[in-house]
Protein backbone atom coordinates (compact mmCIF):
# COMPACT_ATOMS: atom_id res chain seq x y z
CA MET A 1 0.00 0.00 0.00
CA SER A 2 1.41 3.39 -0.96
CA THR A 3 2.20 6.09 1.55
CA PRO A 4 -0.16 9.08 1.49
CA LEU A 5 1.17 12.24 -0.12
CA ASP A 6 0.01 14.95 2.21
CA PRO A 7 0.22 18.70 1.58
CA ILE A 8 3.47 20.45 2.37
CA HIS A 9 1.58 23.71 2.92
CA VAL A 10 -1.99 24.92 3.17
CA GLY A 11 -2.37 28.53 2.09
CA GLN A 12 -5.37 30.83 2.12
CA VAL A 13 -6.62 32.28 -1.15
CA ARG A 14 -9.73 34.44 -0.91
CA GLY A 15 -10.46 32.84 2.46
CA VAL A 16 -10.33 29.29 1.04
CA ALA A 17 -7.74 26.71 2.06
CA VAL A 18 -5.55 25.70 -0.89
CA ARG A 19 -3.33 22.66 -0.43
CA PHE A 20 0.12 22.61 -2.00
CA PHE A 21 2.18 19.47 -2.61
CA LYS A 22 5.70 18.58 -3.62
CA ALA A 23 5.89 17.35 -7.19
CA PRO A 24 5.24 13.65 -7.69
CA ASN A 25 8.35 11.45 -7.76
CA ASP A 26 10.27 14.14 -5.85
CA ALA A 27 11.05 16.09 -9.03
CA VAL A 28 12.52 19.54 -8.45
CA ALA A 29 9.57 21.67 -9.56
CA LEU A 30 7.30 24.47 -8.44
CA PRO A 31 4.77 23.26 -5.88
CA TRP A 32 1.72 21.46 -7.21
CA HIS A 33 -1.75 22.40 -5.95
CA ALA A 34 -5.03 20.63 -5.24
CA PHE A 35 -6.99 21.52 -8.37
CA SER A 36 -10.39 21.43 -6.67
CA ASP A 37 -9.08 23.89 -4.05
CA LEU A 38 -8.06 26.29 -6.83
CA LEU A 39 -11.55 26.15 -8.33
CA SER A 40 -13.17 26.72 -4.93
CA ALA A 41 -10.91 29.68 -4.18
CA ALA A 42 -11.79 31.13 -7.59
CA GLY A 43 -15.40 31.23 -6.40
CA LEU A 44 -16.83 28.91 -9.04
CA SER A 45 -20.25 27.38 -8.60
CA ARG A 46 -20.45 23.64 -7.97
CA HIS A 47 -21.57 23.13 -11.59
CA ASP A 48 -18.65 25.16 -12.97
CA ARG A 49 -16.18 23.35 -10.68
CA ARG A 50 -17.40 19.98 -11.99
CA THR A 51 -17.14 21.23 -15.57
CA PHE A 52 -13.54 22.43 -15.13
CA LEU A 53 -12.52 19.25 -13.27
CA SER A 54 -13.89 17.19 -16.13
CA MET A 55 -12.16 19.37 -18.72
CA VAL A 56 -8.80 18.99 -16.98
CA GLN A 57 -9.18 15.23 -16.64
CA SER A 58 -10.07 14.74 -20.30
CA GLY A 59 -8.54 17.73 -22.09
CA PRO A 60 -5.04 18.88 -22.99
CA PHE A 61 -3.85 18.74 -19.35
CA GLN A 62 -5.01 15.17 -18.71
CA ASP A 63 -1.45 13.78 -18.86
CA ASP A 64 -0.14 16.52 -16.58
CA VAL A 65 -2.40 16.08 -13.54
CA ARG A 66 -2.21 13.27 -10.99
CA THR A 67 -4.67 11.87 -8.50
CA VAL A 68 -2.79 11.07 -5.32
CA LYS A 69 -3.72 9.33 -2.13
CA THR A 70 -3.73 11.66 0.90
CA SER A 71 -4.74 11.10 4.51
CA ALA A 72 -8.00 12.91 3.65
CA GLY A 73 -8.67 10.75 0.57
CA PRO A 74 -7.81 11.01 -3.13
CA VAL A 75 -6.93 14.47 -4.46
CA MET A 76 -6.20 15.58 -8.01
CA ILE A 77 -3.05 17.69 -7.99
CA ALA A 78 -1.71 19.82 -10.82
CA PRO A 79 1.51 21.67 -11.66
CA HIS A 80 1.75 25.44 -11.72
CA PHE A 81 1.22 25.76 -15.48
CA VAL A 82 -2.22 24.14 -15.12
CA PHE A 83 -3.07 26.91 -12.64
CA GLN A 84 -1.97 29.49 -15.22
CA GLY A 85 -3.97 27.90 -18.03
CA THR A 86 -7.05 27.54 -15.84
CA ILE A 87 -6.97 31.15 -14.70
CA GLY A 88 -6.54 32.28 -18.31
CA ALA A 89 -9.56 30.21 -19.34
CA LEU A 90 -11.66 31.50 -16.43
CA LYS A 91 -10.85 35.08 -17.44
CA GLN A 92 -11.60 34.37 -21.09
CA VAL A 93 -15.09 32.98 -20.35
CA GLY A 94 -15.88 35.74 -17.85
CA LEU A 95 -15.82 33.64 -14.67
CA MET A 96 -13.01 35.70 -13.19
CA PRO A 97 -12.07 39.39 -13.34
CA LYS A 98 -9.34 40.21 -15.86
CA ASP A 99 -7.08 41.75 -13.21
CA ASP A 100 -4.21 39.83 -11.64
CA ASP A 101 -5.33 40.02 -7.99
CA PHE A 102 -6.34 36.37 -7.70
CA GLU A 103 -3.16 35.18 -9.41
CA SER A 104 -1.02 37.29 -7.08
CA GLU A 105 -2.75 35.92 -4.00
CA PHE A 106 -2.44 32.33 -5.23
CA CYS A 107 1.24 32.80 -6.10
CA MET A 108 2.00 34.27 -2.67
CA ALA A 109 0.52 31.12 -1.10
CA GLY A 110 2.75 29.16 -3.48
CA VAL A 111 5.79 31.11 -2.30
CA SER A 112 5.11 29.87 1.23
CA ALA A 113 4.97 26.32 -0.16
CA CYS A 114 8.35 26.91 -1.85
CA GLU A 115 9.78 27.98 1.48
CA VAL A 116 8.77 24.60 2.88
CA LEU A 117 10.40 22.82 -0.08
CA HIS A 118 13.61 24.79 0.51
CA ALA A 119 13.76 24.45 4.30
CA GLY A 120 17.20 23.41 5.49
CA LEU A 121 18.98 24.25 2.25
CA SER A 122 21.88 26.65 2.05
CA PRO A 123 21.36 29.92 0.14
CA GLY A 124 23.37 28.48 -2.77
CA GLU A 125 21.29 25.30 -2.85
CA ARG A 126 18.08 27.35 -2.71
CA PHE A 127 19.25 29.46 -5.62
CA GLU A 128 20.11 26.37 -7.69
CA ARG A 129 16.69 24.84 -6.94
CA ILE A 130 14.86 28.04 -7.88
CA ILE A 131 16.74 28.16 -11.19
CA THR A 132 15.94 24.47 -11.82
CA MET A 133 12.26 25.03 -10.96
CA GLY A 134 12.05 27.96 -13.34
CA ARG A 135 13.80 26.12 -16.15
CA ARG A 136 11.58 23.07 -15.74
CA HIS A 137 8.48 25.28 -15.65
CA LEU A 138 9.57 26.97 -18.88
CA GLY A 139 10.42 23.64 -20.52
CA ARG A 140 14.13 24.45 -20.72
CA GLU A 141 15.67 21.67 -18.64
CA ASP A 142 18.13 20.82 -21.41
CA GLU A 143 19.70 24.28 -21.65
CA VAL A 144 22.82 25.01 -19.65
């Protein structure tokens, strides 16, 4: 039986708890988030949350999300770029204001999750990890 993957940090976004996780398989990457928490924090109706969950599970991001076992039960987690794509889509269909306030609040919660990932590392090691995270996020792992 596999060990539960529990959140490394629980941030508050618009008064809603958003769980952040280390990347699956211990990859050096920006923190992943509980996708349903993102949708709740965005203030979507239950119907809209179900629609977006279904779209992510069957659309272009389906190979990028993972459902993991946690102490609280199964949770679908997603990498940071899925957050960015989702917020862009929500803005495009008018379910979220076009300003960047929500994104800023979510990212600040993610910064706290990064601090957990970097706990105990030297400043040099932290810097190297941040560079690696950014390169992986931008799809540039092969560049030196």
